[in-house]
């Protein structure tokens, strides 16, 4: 039973990101490099958060302090990675010009660059937040035997998935906001990141019925804004869907 729970929670949290990686990233070595580089930037933000946590001894007992500065450092390094990609655009374009696989468009499309970098941020953050929990879920033991919630592992996997997707959407929004100098969207990314993180403080109290719906409601809102920043138009999608259905009918 514990093995089944381990496999199920792993697929819930990392199944969709793995599918995104296989479909979008794995076929292009440059995208793989961008994903790994963005993951490294997230690790640097974690390093600075840990250093600050170790230095400021009086506030070690206040988790909200460490979490807040961790979010701030993550957004700073997300912006720094955006600047790095802007500086590297010319080099990426030169690399794409000598390729023959037809993937040159990705280096002119900042939305795709934002998607790949956000996926890198999300996967590494999800791995760090969930890997120990997944290891415990494999057993031995029985969930909830000491009065704890039997939904702990499931809700942890759902929360991890939410933050992986959050990071993708936040990167898309931030890249768009920086390109078009939309300060309100930059503030939106920082505020929603803080709010989504603070929601997780409900989990130790086993208020999963509150925290999970709140997380995914905020995720849907963030997704809609990210789609708008990426240039998604509902009318085009609807027309394409209708056209495909007509073709199937014929």
Protein backbone atom coordinates (compact mmCIF):
# COMPACT_ATOMS: atom_id res chain seq x y z
CA UNK A 1 0.00 0.00 0.00
CA UNK A 2 2.82 2.41 0.85
CA UNK A 3 4.51 1.70 -2.49
CA UNK A 4 1.27 2.46 -4.33
CA UNK A 5 0.94 5.74 -2.44
CA UNK A 6 4.55 6.63 -3.25
CA UNK A 7 4.01 6.00 -6.97
CA UNK A 8 0.68 7.84 -6.99
CA UNK A 9 2.00 10.93 -5.21
CA UNK A 10 5.09 10.99 -7.43
CA UNK A 11 2.97 10.89 -10.57
CA UNK A 12 0.62 13.57 -9.24
CA UNK A 13 3.41 16.01 -8.48
CA UNK A 14 5.90 15.24 -11.26
CA UNK A 15 3.77 13.57 -13.94
CA UNK A 16 2.58 16.76 -15.69
CA UNK A 17 6.04 18.43 -15.50
CA UNK A 18 7.61 15.27 -16.92
CA UNK A 19 5.14 15.34 -19.82
CA UNK A 20 5.98 19.01 -20.43
CA UNK A 21 9.68 18.20 -20.39
CA UNK A 22 9.32 15.33 -22.86
CA UNK A 23 7.11 17.29 -25.26
CA UNK A 24 8.69 20.74 -25.14
CA UNK A 25 12.21 20.53 -23.73
CA UNK A 26 13.77 17.10 -24.33
CA UNK A 27 13.92 17.42 -28.12
CA UNK A 28 16.10 20.54 -28.01
CA UNK A 29 19.52 20.60 -26.28
CA UNK A 30 19.44 24.40 -25.94
CA UNK A 31 16.18 24.21 -24.02
CA UNK A 32 17.70 21.59 -21.75
CA UNK A 33 20.59 23.95 -21.02
CA UNK A 34 18.15 26.77 -20.25
CA UNK A 35 16.16 24.51 -17.93
CA UNK A 36 19.27 23.37 -16.05
CA UNK A 37 20.54 26.95 -15.83
CA UNK A 38 17.26 28.20 -14.38
CA UNK A 39 17.34 25.37 -11.84
CA UNK A 40 20.82 26.51 -10.84
CA UNK A 41 19.55 30.06 -10.32
CA UNK A 42 16.84 28.73 -8.04
CA UNK A 43 19.49 26.87 -6.06
CA UNK A 44 21.43 30.11 -5.69
CA UNK A 45 18.34 31.77 -4.24
CA UNK A 46 18.01 28.88 -1.81
CA UNK A 47 21.67 29.28 -0.85
CA UNK A 48 21.22 32.97 -0.04
CA UNK A 49 18.07 32.20 1.94
CA UNK A 50 19.98 29.60 3.96
CA UNK A 51 22.85 32.02 4.62
CA UNK A 52 20.43 34.70 5.82
CA UNK A 53 18.64 32.13 7.98
CA UNK A 54 21.94 31.13 9.58
CA UNK A 55 23.11 34.70 10.16
CA UNK A 56 19.95 36.21 11.67
CA UNK A 57 19.85 34.03 14.79
CA UNK A 58 17.08 35.86 16.72
CA UNK A 59 14.54 35.26 13.95
CA UNK A 60 15.26 31.57 13.39
CA UNK A 61 12.22 30.59 15.40
CA UNK A 62 9.91 32.62 13.13
CA UNK A 63 9.31 30.55 10.03
CA UNK A 64 7.46 33.35 8.28
CA UNK A 65 10.67 35.40 8.26
CA UNK A 66 12.67 32.75 6.42
CA UNK A 67 9.82 31.99 4.01
CA UNK A 68 9.31 35.65 3.12
CA UNK A 69 12.96 36.26 2.28
CA UNK A 70 13.11 32.97 0.42
CA UNK A 71 10.31 34.18 -1.86
CA UNK A 72 12.04 37.53 -2.31
CA UNK A 73 15.31 35.87 -3.27
CA UNK A 74 13.53 33.55 -5.70
CA UNK A 75 11.91 36.46 -7.51
CA UNK A 76 15.18 38.39 -7.59
CA UNK A 77 16.95 35.43 -9.20
CA UNK A 78 14.04 34.90 -11.60
CA UNK A 79 14.56 38.49 -12.75
CA UNK A 80 18.33 37.98 -12.95
CA UNK A 81 17.79 34.92 -15.11
CA UNK A 82 15.55 37.00 -17.35
CA UNK A 83 18.39 39.51 -17.72
CA UNK A 84 20.80 36.67 -18.48
CA UNK A 85 18.58 35.38 -21.27
CA UNK A 86 18.27 38.87 -22.70
CA UNK A 87 22.07 39.13 -22.80
CA UNK A 88 22.36 35.66 -24.34
CA UNK A 89 19.74 36.17 -27.06
CA UNK A 90 22.28 36.98 -29.75
CA UNK A 91 24.33 33.89 -28.94
CA UNK A 92 21.25 31.68 -28.85
CA UNK A 93 20.19 33.02 -32.21
CA UNK A 94 23.61 32.23 -33.71
CA UNK A 95 23.39 28.69 -32.36
CA UNK A 96 19.90 28.25 -33.79
CA UNK A 97 20.99 29.54 -37.20
CA UNK A 98 23.35 26.60 -37.70
CA UNK A 99 20.74 24.04 -36.63
CA UNK A 100 18.67 22.04 -39.09
CA UNK A 101 15.87 20.70 -36.86
CA UNK A 102 13.52 23.64 -37.39
CA UNK A 103 13.55 24.79 -33.77
CA UNK A 104 15.03 28.23 -34.38
CA UNK A 105 11.78 29.98 -33.46
CA UNK A 106 12.16 29.17 -29.78
CA UNK A 107 15.00 31.66 -29.44
CA UNK A 108 12.88 34.48 -30.87
CA UNK A 109 9.87 33.56 -28.75
CA UNK A 110 10.38 34.81 -25.21
CA UNK A 111 7.21 33.10 -24.07
CA UNK A 112 8.78 29.73 -24.76
CA UNK A 113 11.99 30.81 -23.06
CA UNK A 114 9.93 31.90 -20.05
CA UNK A 115 8.09 28.58 -20.06
CA UNK A 116 11.30 26.55 -20.06
CA UNK A 117 12.95 28.66 -17.37
CA UNK A 118 9.80 28.53 -15.24
CA UNK A 119 9.72 24.77 -15.61
CA UNK A 120 13.31 24.63 -14.37
CA UNK A 121 12.44 26.80 -11.36
CA UNK A 122 9.36 24.72 -10.62
CA UNK A 123 10.84 21.25 -10.94
CA UNK A 124 13.83 21.96 -8.70
CA UNK A 125 11.65 23.67 -6.08
CA UNK A 126 9.18 20.77 -6.19
CA UNK A 127 12.00 18.26 -5.83
CA UNK A 128 13.43 20.02 -2.77
CA UNK A 129 10.04 20.42 -1.11
CA UNK A 130 8.70 16.91 -1.75
CA UNK A 131 11.57 14.45 -2.08
CA UNK A 132 11.85 13.71 1.65
CA UNK A 133 8.08 13.39 1.96
CA UNK A 134 7.99 10.93 -0.93
CA UNK A 135 10.77 8.93 0.68
CA UNK A 136 8.71 8.67 3.88
CA UNK A 137 5.58 7.71 1.96
CA UNK A 138 7.29 4.56 0.71
CA UNK A 139 7.10 3.16 4.25
CA UNK A 140 7.30 1.44 6.55
CA UNK A 141 4.36 2.83 8.50
CA UNK A 142 0.70 3.71 8.27
CA UNK A 143 -0.52 7.22 7.53
CA UNK A 144 -2.63 8.76 10.27
CA UNK A 145 -2.00 6.06 12.89
CA UNK A 146 -1.00 8.69 15.48
CA UNK A 147 -3.87 11.03 14.77
CA UNK A 148 -2.27 12.77 11.82
CA UNK A 149 -4.19 13.38 8.61
CA UNK A 150 -4.34 10.47 6.20
CA UNK A 151 -4.37 12.99 3.36
CA UNK A 152 -0.94 14.42 4.20
CA UNK A 153 0.97 12.82 1.34
CA UNK A 154 -1.76 13.45 -1.22
CA UNK A 155 -2.11 17.11 -0.28
CA UNK A 156 1.67 17.55 -0.23
CA UNK A 157 1.82 16.20 -3.78
CA UNK A 158 -0.99 18.50 -4.91
CA UNK A 159 0.73 21.49 -3.30
CA UNK A 160 4.03 20.61 -4.96
CA UNK A 161 2.33 20.33 -8.37
CA UNK A 162 0.64 23.69 -7.81
CA UNK A 163 3.97 25.41 -7.14
CA UNK A 164 5.62 23.81 -10.16
CA UNK A 165 2.83 25.21 -12.34
CA UNK A 166 2.93 28.50 -10.44
CA UNK A 167 6.60 28.92 -11.31
CA UNK A 168 5.88 28.39 -15.00
CA UNK A 169 3.11 31.00 -14.98
CA UNK A 170 5.12 33.44 -12.85
CA UNK A 171 8.04 33.26 -15.27
CA UNK A 172 5.78 33.90 -18.27
CA UNK A 173 4.17 36.88 -16.55
CA UNK A 174 7.46 38.31 -15.29
CA UNK A 175 9.21 38.02 -18.66
CA UNK A 176 6.27 39.73 -20.36
CA UNK A 177 6.11 42.42 -17.67
CA UNK A 178 9.82 43.16 -17.98
CA UNK A 179 9.64 43.30 -21.78
CA UNK A 180 6.69 45.70 -21.72
CA UNK A 181 7.58 47.48 -18.44
CA UNK A 182 4.36 46.49 -16.69
CA UNK A 183 5.12 47.21 -13.05
CA UNK A 184 1.69 46.04 -11.92
CA UNK A 185 2.36 42.56 -13.31
CA UNK A 186 5.75 42.43 -11.63
CA UNK A 187 4.04 43.31 -8.34
CA UNK A 188 1.39 40.68 -9.08
CA UNK A 189 4.05 37.97 -9.39
CA UNK A 190 5.69 38.90 -6.09
CA UNK A 191 2.40 39.26 -4.19
CA UNK A 192 0.86 36.03 -5.47
CA UNK A 193 4.09 34.15 -4.73
CA UNK A 194 4.00 35.41 -1.15
CA UNK A 195 0.29 34.70 -0.80
CA UNK A 196 0.57 31.19 -2.25
CA UNK A 197 3.44 30.46 0.14
CA UNK A 198 1.59 31.82 3.15
CA UNK A 199 -1.38 29.58 2.32
CA UNK A 200 0.84 26.57 3.01
CA UNK A 201 1.00 27.62 6.68
CA UNK A 202 -2.50 26.13 6.93
CA UNK A 203 -1.15 22.65 6.13
CA UNK A 204 0.50 21.96 9.53
CA UNK A 205 -2.93 22.60 11.07
CA UNK A 206 -4.39 19.98 8.70
CA UNK A 207 -6.66 22.56 7.08
CA UNK A 208 -6.25 20.94 3.68
CA UNK A 209 -9.88 21.57 2.76
CA UNK A 210 -9.06 25.28 2.90
CA UNK A 211 -5.46 25.44 1.65
CA UNK A 212 -5.80 23.24 -1.46
CA UNK A 213 -8.87 25.04 -2.91
CA UNK A 214 -7.23 28.40 -2.19
CA UNK A 215 -4.00 27.34 -3.89
CA UNK A 216 -5.73 26.08 -7.02
CA UNK A 217 -8.09 29.06 -7.22
CA UNK A 218 -5.07 31.34 -7.18
CA UNK A 219 -3.38 29.02 -9.69
CA UNK A 220 -6.29 29.34 -12.13
CA UNK A 221 -6.21 33.15 -11.83
CA UNK A 222 -2.46 33.18 -12.42
CA UNK A 223 -2.86 30.79 -15.37
CA UNK A 224 -5.43 33.07 -17.03
CA UNK A 225 -3.13 36.09 -16.68
CA UNK A 226 -0.15 34.08 -17.99
CA UNK A 227 -2.16 32.96 -21.02
CA UNK A 228 -3.10 36.56 -21.70
CA UNK A 229 0.54 37.61 -21.45
CA UNK A 230 1.48 34.80 -23.82
CA UNK A 231 -0.97 36.12 -26.43
CA UNK A 232 -3.59 33.39 -26.05
CA UNK A 233 -6.92 34.32 -27.57
CA UNK A 234 -10.05 32.35 -26.81
CA UNK A 235 -11.72 33.14 -30.13
CA UNK A 236 -8.81 31.66 -32.09
CA UNK A 237 -8.82 28.55 -29.90
CA UNK A 238 -12.57 28.19 -30.34
CA UNK A 239 -12.35 28.56 -34.11
CA UNK A 240 -9.54 26.00 -34.26
CA UNK A 241 -11.56 23.60 -32.11
CA UNK A 242 -14.65 24.02 -34.30
CA UNK A 243 -12.58 23.55 -37.45
CA UNK A 244 -11.03 20.35 -36.11
CA UNK A 245 -14.43 19.01 -35.12
CA UNK A 246 -15.79 19.76 -38.58
CA UNK A 247 -12.85 17.96 -40.12
CA UNK A 248 -13.42 14.91 -37.92
CA UNK A 249 -17.06 14.90 -38.83
CA UNK A 250 -16.22 14.94 -42.50
